[in-house]
Amino acid sequence: MTIAIVDDNATNLLIIEKILHKAGYDDLFKASSAMELFEELDMDAESSAEVPVDLILMDLMMPEIDGVEACRRIQEKERFRDIPIIFVTALGDSNKLAEALDAGAIDYVMKPINKVELLARIRSALRLKYEKDWHNERNKRIRYELDLAKQVQRSVLCAPIANESVKIGALYLPSTELAGDFYAWYPLGHGRYGIILLDMMGHGISSSLVCMYIYSALQDTINRMSDPVQVMKELNLRMMQLHMSDQLMNYYFTAIYMVLDTNARTIDYVNAGHPAGIVYADGETVLLTEGCCAIGFFEDIEIVKGSISYEQSAKIMLYTDGLLEMMEGNVEDGVQQLISELKHMEEAELAQLPQAIQEELSNNRQPDDICLVMIQAY
């Protein structure tokens, strides 16, 4: 632990040094001016560089650069903002002392120095420094774990599919490090694909963990039963297993799951309380509205399966409500805009945000996760 003592008076430096030595503080740095302190701190070093002092005791009135200005310059550097600064001064001007505290100092001691008071204030400042360092280290560990969780979450998202019968892609824009939106698709054989888009309640760590829990069940569930009604019942059962009687809030998600059969040219689906997906096929538009309530609300749910046939080709857009929230007007206006975008969207534009949404995102903060899944069946 290093304490810096800054005073243009050599006698004051010696007095404070002796008080600190007798109290057991042996790692001291003495400076007769703010510039000497700046050199010791290496003010222009990288933000990740080690901070060489843990506490600064500084005179308020010094030539060239006074204590207030020195304090301001130190506080301007992000890596020094957690260093406690205590002014040691003979100046009793309350306005000047208030200015010093506003500049970033945490306390002051009046001259002539009272040894007991000085040591008590140093102990208090170092306790505060310890607490800040502990929280900073904890936040650093949390940031590392969040980055790792983010990488894991992104790694399980499905890669695009493009072949002679189907093209599937997605756009994924989390509003925070970890998202509550999730998508997946699985080839089921014989030209059939199981495709799901879900939106977990909330976003952040807890929602992303529940998303990963559902992901762990998805591949086995979809490959084992594939039928949209059975898949939704199984996922609802998995969500109910998370419920505990002492919880104030239980998690749920909305979703659309579909089985696209490119040989039979059919789409079987269930919409579980999710914004209606859009199908544009053979010159007609169909909204995917058949289904049930959100998954995870009730143990027993009634599910209605929807079915669509097409003759030539079909374009399908699935999206989460974060997309509609970024659009002007009400929900109905947003859906109509998406229908218009889908009708005129070229194959090369699949899985791209509508231009209006791109402009909105460039000008405003994204309030919710946005996920867009686009499917072209030939």
Protein backbone atom coordinates (compact mmCIF):
# COMPACT_ATOMS: atom_id res chain seq x y z
CA MET A 1 0.00 0.00 0.00
CA THR A 2 1.50 3.31 -1.13
CA ILE A 3 0.56 6.74 0.22
CA ALA A 4 1.63 9.88 -1.65
CA ILE A 5 2.33 13.04 0.39
CA VAL A 6 2.32 16.27 -1.64
CA ASP A 7 3.32 19.56 -0.02
CA ASP A 8 5.61 22.41 -1.09
CA ASN A 9 6.75 22.85 2.53
CA ALA A 10 9.56 20.43 3.46
CA THR A 11 8.72 20.66 7.18
CA ASN A 12 5.14 19.58 6.59
CA LEU A 13 6.35 16.67 4.46
CA LEU A 14 8.67 15.55 7.27
CA ILE A 15 5.93 15.82 9.97
CA ILE A 16 3.40 13.79 7.99
CA GLU A 17 6.06 11.23 7.05
CA LYS A 18 7.00 10.66 10.71
CA ILE A 19 3.33 10.34 11.77
CA LEU A 20 2.69 7.74 9.09
CA HIS A 21 5.88 5.79 9.78
CA LYS A 22 5.01 5.50 13.48
CA ALA A 23 1.51 4.30 12.51
CA GLY A 24 3.01 1.52 10.38
CA TYR A 25 2.65 3.08 6.92
CA ASP A 26 6.12 2.57 5.45
CA ASP A 27 5.54 2.71 1.69
CA LEU A 28 5.44 6.46 1.15
CA PHE A 29 6.07 8.74 -1.80
CA LYS A 30 6.90 12.39 -1.13
CA ALA A 31 6.48 15.19 -3.68
CA SER A 32 7.02 18.94 -3.32
CA SER A 33 4.71 19.86 -6.19
CA ALA A 34 1.76 18.61 -8.23
CA MET A 35 4.08 18.08 -11.21
CA GLU A 36 6.23 15.64 -9.22
CA LEU A 37 3.06 13.74 -8.30
CA PHE A 38 1.97 13.66 -11.97
CA GLU A 39 5.34 12.18 -12.93
CA GLU A 40 4.97 9.46 -10.30
CA LEU A 41 1.43 8.69 -11.46
CA ASP A 42 2.54 8.61 -15.12
CA MET A 43 -0.57 10.49 -16.17
CA ASP A 44 -0.35 9.61 -19.86
CA ALA A 45 0.04 5.86 -19.42
CA GLU A 46 -2.48 3.39 -20.84
CA SER A 47 -5.75 3.11 -18.92
CA SER A 48 -4.90 -0.50 -18.04
CA ALA A 49 -1.57 0.43 -16.43
CA GLU A 50 -1.09 -0.22 -12.73
CA VAL A 51 -1.98 2.66 -10.40
CA PRO A 52 1.16 3.39 -8.32
CA VAL A 53 -0.51 4.93 -5.23
CA ASP A 54 -3.47 4.02 -3.02
CA LEU A 55 -4.02 7.34 -1.25
CA ILE A 56 -2.97 10.96 -1.78
CA LEU A 57 -2.45 13.48 1.05
CA MET A 58 -2.15 16.87 -0.66
CA ASP A 59 -1.66 20.47 0.34
CA LEU A 60 -4.36 22.79 -0.93
CA MET A 61 -2.23 25.88 -1.56
CA MET A 62 0.83 25.17 -3.73
CA PRO A 63 2.64 27.27 -6.36
CA GLU A 64 2.13 26.73 -10.09
CA ILE A 65 -0.60 24.07 -9.76
CA ASP A 66 -2.66 24.25 -6.59
CA GLY A 67 -4.34 21.27 -4.94
CA VAL A 68 -7.76 21.89 -6.47
CA GLU A 69 -6.42 21.96 -10.04
CA ALA A 70 -4.23 18.93 -9.37
CA CYS A 71 -7.23 17.06 -8.01
CA ARG A 72 -9.28 17.94 -11.11
CA ARG A 73 -6.56 16.68 -13.45
CA ILE A 74 -6.24 13.42 -11.54
CA GLN A 75 -10.01 12.87 -11.56
CA GLU A 76 -10.13 13.43 -15.32
CA LYS A 77 -8.17 10.20 -15.79
CA GLU A 78 -10.46 7.21 -15.43
CA ARG A 79 -7.81 4.94 -13.93
CA PHE A 80 -7.20 7.39 -11.04
CA ARG A 81 -10.81 8.10 -10.10
CA ASP A 82 -10.83 5.56 -7.27
CA ILE A 83 -7.73 7.03 -5.55
CA PRO A 84 -8.95 8.80 -2.39
CA ILE A 85 -7.54 12.32 -2.04
CA ILE A 86 -7.39 14.03 1.36
CA PHE A 87 -6.40 17.70 1.51
CA VAL A 88 -4.10 18.77 4.35
CA THR A 89 -4.42 22.53 4.62
CA ALA A 90 -4.15 25.55 6.88
CA LEU A 91 -6.73 27.38 4.79
CA GLY A 92 -10.02 27.80 6.63
CA ASP A 93 -11.98 29.29 3.72
CA SER A 94 -15.16 27.20 3.52
CA ASN A 95 -15.74 28.18 -0.11
CA LYS A 96 -12.26 26.96 -1.08
CA LEU A 97 -12.76 23.75 0.87
CA ALA A 98 -16.11 23.18 -0.85
CA GLU A 99 -14.40 23.74 -4.22
CA ALA A 100 -11.77 21.17 -3.27
CA LEU A 101 -14.41 18.57 -2.39
CA ASP A 102 -16.30 19.32 -5.61
CA ALA A 103 -13.07 18.70 -7.52
CA GLY A 104 -13.05 15.11 -6.28
CA ALA A 105 -11.38 15.06 -2.86
CA ILE A 106 -13.13 12.89 -0.27
CA ASP A 107 -11.98 14.68 2.92
CA TYR A 108 -9.65 17.30 4.45
CA VAL A 109 -7.54 17.77 7.58
CA MET A 110 -6.66 21.17 9.01
CA LYS A 111 -3.15 22.31 9.96
CA PRO A 112 -1.60 22.23 12.49
CA ILE A 113 -2.07 18.50 12.05
CA ASN A 114 -3.84 16.50 14.74
CA LYS A 115 -2.20 13.06 14.56
CA VAL A 116 -5.24 11.15 15.82
CA GLU A 117 -7.57 12.92 13.39
CA LEU A 118 -5.22 12.45 10.41
CA LEU A 119 -4.81 8.70 11.03
CA ALA A 120 -8.56 8.23 11.55
CA ARG A 121 -9.32 9.91 8.23
CA ILE A 122 -6.63 7.88 6.47
CA ARG A 123 -8.13 4.63 7.83
CA SER A 124 -11.57 5.71 6.70
CA ALA A 125 -10.29 6.59 3.20
CA LEU A 126 -8.42 3.30 2.85
CA ARG A 127 -11.51 1.34 3.90
CA LEU A 128 -13.42 3.13 1.16
CA LYS A 129 -10.61 2.36 -1.30
CA TYR A 130 -10.68 -1.30 -0.31
CA GLU A 131 -14.43 -1.47 -0.87
CA LYS A 132 -14.12 0.18 -4.29
CA ASP A 133 -11.28 -2.13 -5.30
CA TRP A 134 -13.32 -5.16 -4.20
CA HIS A 135 -16.33 -4.05 -6.22
CA ASN A 136 -14.18 -3.23 -9.25
CA GLU A 137 -12.58 -6.67 -9.14
CA ARG A 138 -15.97 -8.29 -8.73
CA ASN A 139 -17.35 -6.29 -11.66
CA LYS A 140 -14.35 -7.32 -13.75
CA ARG A 141 -15.06 -10.99 -13.01
CA ILE A 142 -18.74 -10.50 -13.84
CA ARG A 143 -17.79 -8.78 -17.11
CA TYR A 144 -15.53 -11.69 -18.01
CA GLU A 145 -18.27 -14.20 -17.22
CA LEU A 146 -20.81 -12.17 -19.21
CA ASP A 147 -18.48 -12.09 -22.21
CA LEU A 148 -18.00 -15.85 -21.93
CA ALA A 149 -21.76 -16.43 -21.63
CA LYS A 150 -22.31 -14.18 -24.65
CA GLN A 151 -19.86 -16.26 -26.71
CA VAL A 152 -21.56 -19.49 -25.61
CA GLN A 153 -25.00 -18.12 -26.44
CA ARG A 154 -23.89 -16.99 -29.91
CA SER A 155 -22.09 -20.27 -30.57
CA VAL A 156 -25.26 -22.37 -30.31
CA LEU A 157 -27.21 -20.28 -32.82
CA CYS A 158 -27.77 -22.17 -36.06
CA ALA A 159 -25.75 -21.39 -39.15
CA PRO A 160 -27.67 -20.34 -42.28
CA ILE A 161 -28.97 -23.02 -44.65
CA ALA A 162 -28.95 -22.56 -48.41
CA ASN A 163 -29.69 -25.35 -50.91
CA GLU A 164 -31.83 -25.98 -53.98
CA SER A 165 -35.06 -26.18 -51.98
CA VAL A 166 -34.73 -23.75 -49.07
CA LYS A 167 -32.79 -20.79 -47.75
CA ILE A 168 -32.92 -19.94 -44.02
CA GLY A 169 -31.12 -17.10 -42.26
CA ALA A 170 -31.50 -14.86 -39.24
CA LEU A 171 -30.61 -11.43 -37.91
CA TYR A 172 -29.91 -11.27 -34.18
CA LEU A 173 -29.59 -7.94 -32.33
CA PRO A 174 -29.57 -8.26 -28.51
CA SER A 175 -30.32 -5.07 -26.57
CA THR A 176 -27.93 -6.17 -23.79
CA GLU A 177 -24.95 -8.52 -23.56
CA LEU A 178 -27.24 -11.51 -23.16
CA ALA A 179 -30.52 -11.91 -25.00
CA GLY A 180 -33.86 -13.53 -24.25
CA ASP A 181 -34.52 -14.21 -27.95
CA PHE A 182 -33.47 -17.49 -29.50
CA TYR A 183 -33.84 -19.26 -32.83
CA ALA A 184 -32.97 -22.66 -34.20
CA TRP A 185 -33.66 -24.90 -37.17
CA TYR A 186 -33.09 -28.60 -37.69
CA PRO A 187 -33.15 -30.68 -40.89
CA LEU A 188 -35.63 -33.53 -40.29
CA GLY A 189 -34.94 -35.45 -43.48
CA HIS A 190 -36.85 -35.83 -46.76
CA GLY A 191 -36.93 -32.08 -47.36
CA ARG A 192 -38.46 -31.25 -43.95
CA TYR A 193 -37.14 -28.63 -41.52
CA GLY A 194 -38.13 -27.85 -37.94
CA ILE A 195 -37.81 -24.09 -37.30
CA ILE A 196 -38.40 -22.24 -34.03
CA LEU A 197 -38.16 -18.63 -32.87
CA LEU A 198 -38.83 -17.83 -29.23
CA ASP A 199 -38.82 -14.76 -27.01
CA MET A 200 -38.17 -15.38 -23.32
CA MET A 201 -39.73 -13.06 -20.76
CA GLY A 202 -37.28 -10.22 -20.09
CA HIS A 203 -33.65 -10.20 -21.16
CA GLY A 204 -30.29 -10.42 -19.47
CA ILE A 205 -28.62 -13.18 -17.46
CA SER A 206 -31.67 -15.01 -16.11
CA SER A 207 -33.55 -15.02 -19.41
CA SER A 208 -30.51 -16.18 -21.34
CA LEU A 209 -29.98 -19.05 -18.87
CA VAL A 210 -33.57 -20.19 -19.35
CA CYS A 211 -33.04 -19.90 -23.12
CA MET A 212 -30.04 -22.21 -22.85
CA TYR A 213 -32.12 -24.64 -20.78
CA ILE A 214 -34.72 -24.75 -23.55
CA TYR A 215 -31.99 -25.07 -26.17
CA SER A 216 -30.68 -28.19 -24.40
CA ALA A 217 -34.12 -29.78 -24.85
CA LEU A 218 -34.84 -28.57 -28.37
CA GLN A 219 -32.81 -30.81 -30.65
CA ASP A 220 -33.87 -34.04 -28.97
CA THR A 221 -37.50 -32.90 -28.77
CA ILE A 222 -37.76 -31.76 -32.39
CA ASN A 223 -35.95 -34.77 -33.83
CA ARG A 224 -37.93 -37.19 -31.68
CA MET A 225 -41.44 -35.89 -32.29
CA SER A 226 -41.24 -32.97 -34.81
CA ASP A 227 -45.03 -32.42 -34.83
CA PRO A 228 -45.64 -28.78 -33.74
CA VAL A 229 -48.34 -29.68 -31.20
CA GLN A 230 -46.22 -32.34 -29.53
CA VAL A 231 -43.11 -30.14 -29.52
CA MET A 232 -44.95 -27.29 -27.81
CA LYS A 233 -46.42 -29.64 -25.21
CA GLU A 234 -42.96 -31.00 -24.45
CA LEU A 235 -41.46 -27.51 -24.12
CA ASN A 236 -44.32 -26.47 -21.86
CA LEU A 237 -43.59 -29.50 -19.67
CA ARG A 238 -39.92 -28.51 -19.49
CA MET A 239 -40.84 -24.95 -18.48
CA MET A 240 -43.20 -26.18 -15.78
CA GLN A 241 -40.29 -28.14 -14.27
CA LEU A 242 -38.59 -24.79 -13.57
CA HIS A 243 -41.50 -23.51 -11.48
CA MET A 244 -41.10 -23.44 -7.70
CA SER A 245 -43.84 -22.59 -5.23
CA ASP A 246 -41.74 -20.00 -3.37
CA GLN A 247 -40.90 -18.01 -6.51
CA LEU A 248 -42.60 -14.64 -6.94
CA MET A 249 -42.22 -14.85 -10.70
CA ASN A 250 -42.13 -17.76 -13.10
CA TYR A 251 -40.56 -17.65 -16.52
CA TYR A 252 -42.42 -18.11 -19.77
CA PHE A 253 -41.78 -17.53 -23.45
CA THR A 254 -43.67 -16.88 -26.64
CA ALA A 255 -42.70 -18.82 -29.73
CA ILE A 256 -43.50 -19.92 -33.24
CA TYR A 257 -42.52 -23.44 -34.20
CA MET A 258 -43.09 -24.77 -37.69
CA VAL A 259 -42.32 -27.78 -39.80
CA LEU A 260 -41.59 -26.77 -43.38
CA ASP A 261 -41.94 -29.63 -45.90
CA THR A 262 -40.33 -28.52 -49.14
CA ASN A 263 -41.35 -31.72 -50.96
CA ALA A 264 -45.04 -31.61 -50.01
CA ARG A 265 -44.94 -27.78 -50.05
CA THR A 266 -46.67 -27.47 -46.70
CA ILE A 267 -46.12 -25.46 -43.50
CA ASP A 268 -47.46 -26.86 -40.22
CA TYR A 269 -47.05 -24.52 -37.27
CA VAL A 270 -48.06 -23.48 -33.76
CA ASN A 271 -47.97 -19.88 -32.56
CA ALA A 272 -47.63 -19.77 -28.77
CA GLY A 273 -48.62 -16.20 -27.94
CA HIS A 274 -46.02 -14.81 -30.35
CA PRO A 275 -46.30 -11.94 -32.86
CA ALA A 276 -47.85 -13.43 -36.00
CA GLY A 277 -45.33 -14.67 -38.51
CA ILE A 278 -45.94 -13.76 -42.15
CA VAL A 279 -46.10 -16.09 -45.15
CA TYR A 280 -46.17 -14.71 -48.68
CA ALA A 281 -46.87 -17.51 -51.14
CA ASP A 282 -48.42 -17.66 -54.61
CA GLY A 283 -49.30 -13.98 -54.46
CA GLU A 284 -51.21 -14.31 -51.15
CA THR A 285 -50.33 -13.24 -47.61
CA VAL A 286 -51.16 -15.40 -44.58
CA LEU A 287 -50.52 -14.53 -40.93
CA LEU A 288 -49.44 -17.36 -38.62
CA THR A 289 -51.92 -16.91 -35.76
CA GLU A 290 -53.14 -20.42 -34.87
CA GLY A 291 -51.76 -21.96 -31.71
CA CYS A 292 -51.99 -21.49 -27.96
CA CYS A 293 -51.00 -19.28 -25.04
CA ALA A 294 -47.38 -18.56 -24.14
CA ILE A 295 -45.31 -21.54 -22.99
CA GLY A 296 -44.84 -21.90 -19.23
CA PHE A 297 -48.09 -20.36 -17.96
CA PHE A 298 -50.23 -23.46 -17.35
CA GLU A 299 -49.59 -27.17 -16.91
CA ASP A 300 -52.29 -28.15 -19.40
CA ILE A 301 -52.66 -26.11 -22.57
CA GLU A 302 -54.94 -26.49 -25.55
CA ILE A 303 -53.08 -26.22 -28.82
CA VAL A 304 -54.45 -25.65 -32.32
CA LYS A 305 -52.14 -26.45 -35.22
CA GLY A 306 -52.21 -24.28 -38.33
CA SER A 307 -51.44 -25.59 -41.82
CA ILE A 308 -50.61 -23.77 -45.06
CA SER A 309 -49.97 -25.15 -48.56
CA TYR A 310 -48.21 -23.41 -51.42
CA GLU A 311 -47.74 -24.33 -55.07
CA GLN A 312 -44.71 -22.43 -56.37
CA SER A 313 -42.62 -20.81 -53.63
CA ALA A 314 -43.02 -19.18 -50.23
CA LYS A 315 -41.30 -16.41 -48.31
CA ILE A 316 -41.69 -16.54 -44.53
CA MET A 317 -40.81 -13.88 -41.96
CA LEU A 318 -40.67 -14.66 -38.23
CA TYR A 319 -39.78 -11.91 -35.78
CA THR A 320 -39.88 -10.96 -32.11
CA ASP A 321 -41.82 -8.01 -30.70
CA GLY A 322 -38.63 -5.96 -30.37
CA LEU A 323 -38.84 -5.44 -34.14
CA LEU A 324 -42.35 -3.97 -33.96
CA GLU A 325 -41.35 -1.73 -31.05
CA MET A 326 -38.81 0.02 -33.28
CA MET A 327 -41.40 0.82 -35.94
CA GLU A 328 -43.58 3.91 -36.14
CA GLY A 329 -47.31 3.68 -35.46
CA ASN A 330 -49.22 0.88 -33.71
CA VAL A 331 -48.74 -2.88 -34.00
CA GLU A 332 -51.13 -3.19 -36.95
CA ASP A 333 -49.22 -0.52 -38.86
CA GLY A 334 -45.96 -2.31 -38.14
CA VAL A 335 -47.28 -5.65 -39.37
CA GLN A 336 -48.55 -4.05 -42.57
CA GLN A 337 -45.14 -2.50 -43.16
CA LEU A 338 -43.46 -5.88 -42.66
CA ILE A 339 -45.92 -7.49 -45.10
CA SER A 340 -45.03 -4.85 -47.67
CA GLU A 341 -41.31 -5.38 -47.05
CA LEU A 342 -41.67 -9.15 -47.42
CA LYS A 343 -43.59 -8.91 -50.71
CA HIS A 344 -40.90 -6.78 -52.32
CA MET A 345 -37.88 -8.33 -50.66
CA GLU A 346 -35.37 -9.86 -53.05
CA GLU A 347 -33.59 -13.10 -52.21
CA ALA A 348 -30.34 -11.23 -51.54
CA GLU A 349 -32.13 -9.13 -48.92
CA LEU A 350 -33.34 -12.05 -46.81
CA ALA A 351 -32.49 -11.70 -43.10
CA GLN A 352 -31.87 -7.96 -43.43
CA LEU A 353 -33.70 -5.40 -41.36
CA PRO A 354 -36.22 -3.23 -43.18
CA GLN A 355 -34.66 0.11 -44.12
CA ALA A 356 -36.97 2.04 -41.78
CA ILE A 357 -35.80 -0.06 -38.82
CA GLN A 358 -32.14 0.39 -39.74
CA GLU A 359 -32.61 4.16 -39.74
CA GLU A 360 -34.46 4.03 -36.41
CA LEU A 361 -31.68 1.99 -34.81
CA SER A 362 -29.02 4.41 -36.02
CA ASN A 363 -30.81 7.30 -34.31
CA ASN A 364 -32.18 5.72 -31.12
CA ARG A 365 -31.26 3.20 -28.44
CA GLN A 366 -32.66 -0.28 -29.02
CA PRO A 367 -35.15 -0.95 -26.17
CA ASP A 368 -35.52 -4.71 -26.62
CA ASP A 369 -33.90 -7.69 -28.29
CA ILE A 370 -34.60 -7.94 -32.01
CA CYS A 371 -34.58 -11.23 -33.88
CA LEU A 372 -35.66 -11.77 -37.48
CA VAL A 373 -35.77 -15.17 -39.18
CA MET A 374 -36.29 -15.27 -42.93
CA ILE A 375 -37.12 -18.40 -44.93
CA GLN A 376 -37.31 -18.82 -48.70
CA ALA A 377 -38.84 -22.10 -49.87
CA TYR A 378 -38.56 -22.83 -53.62
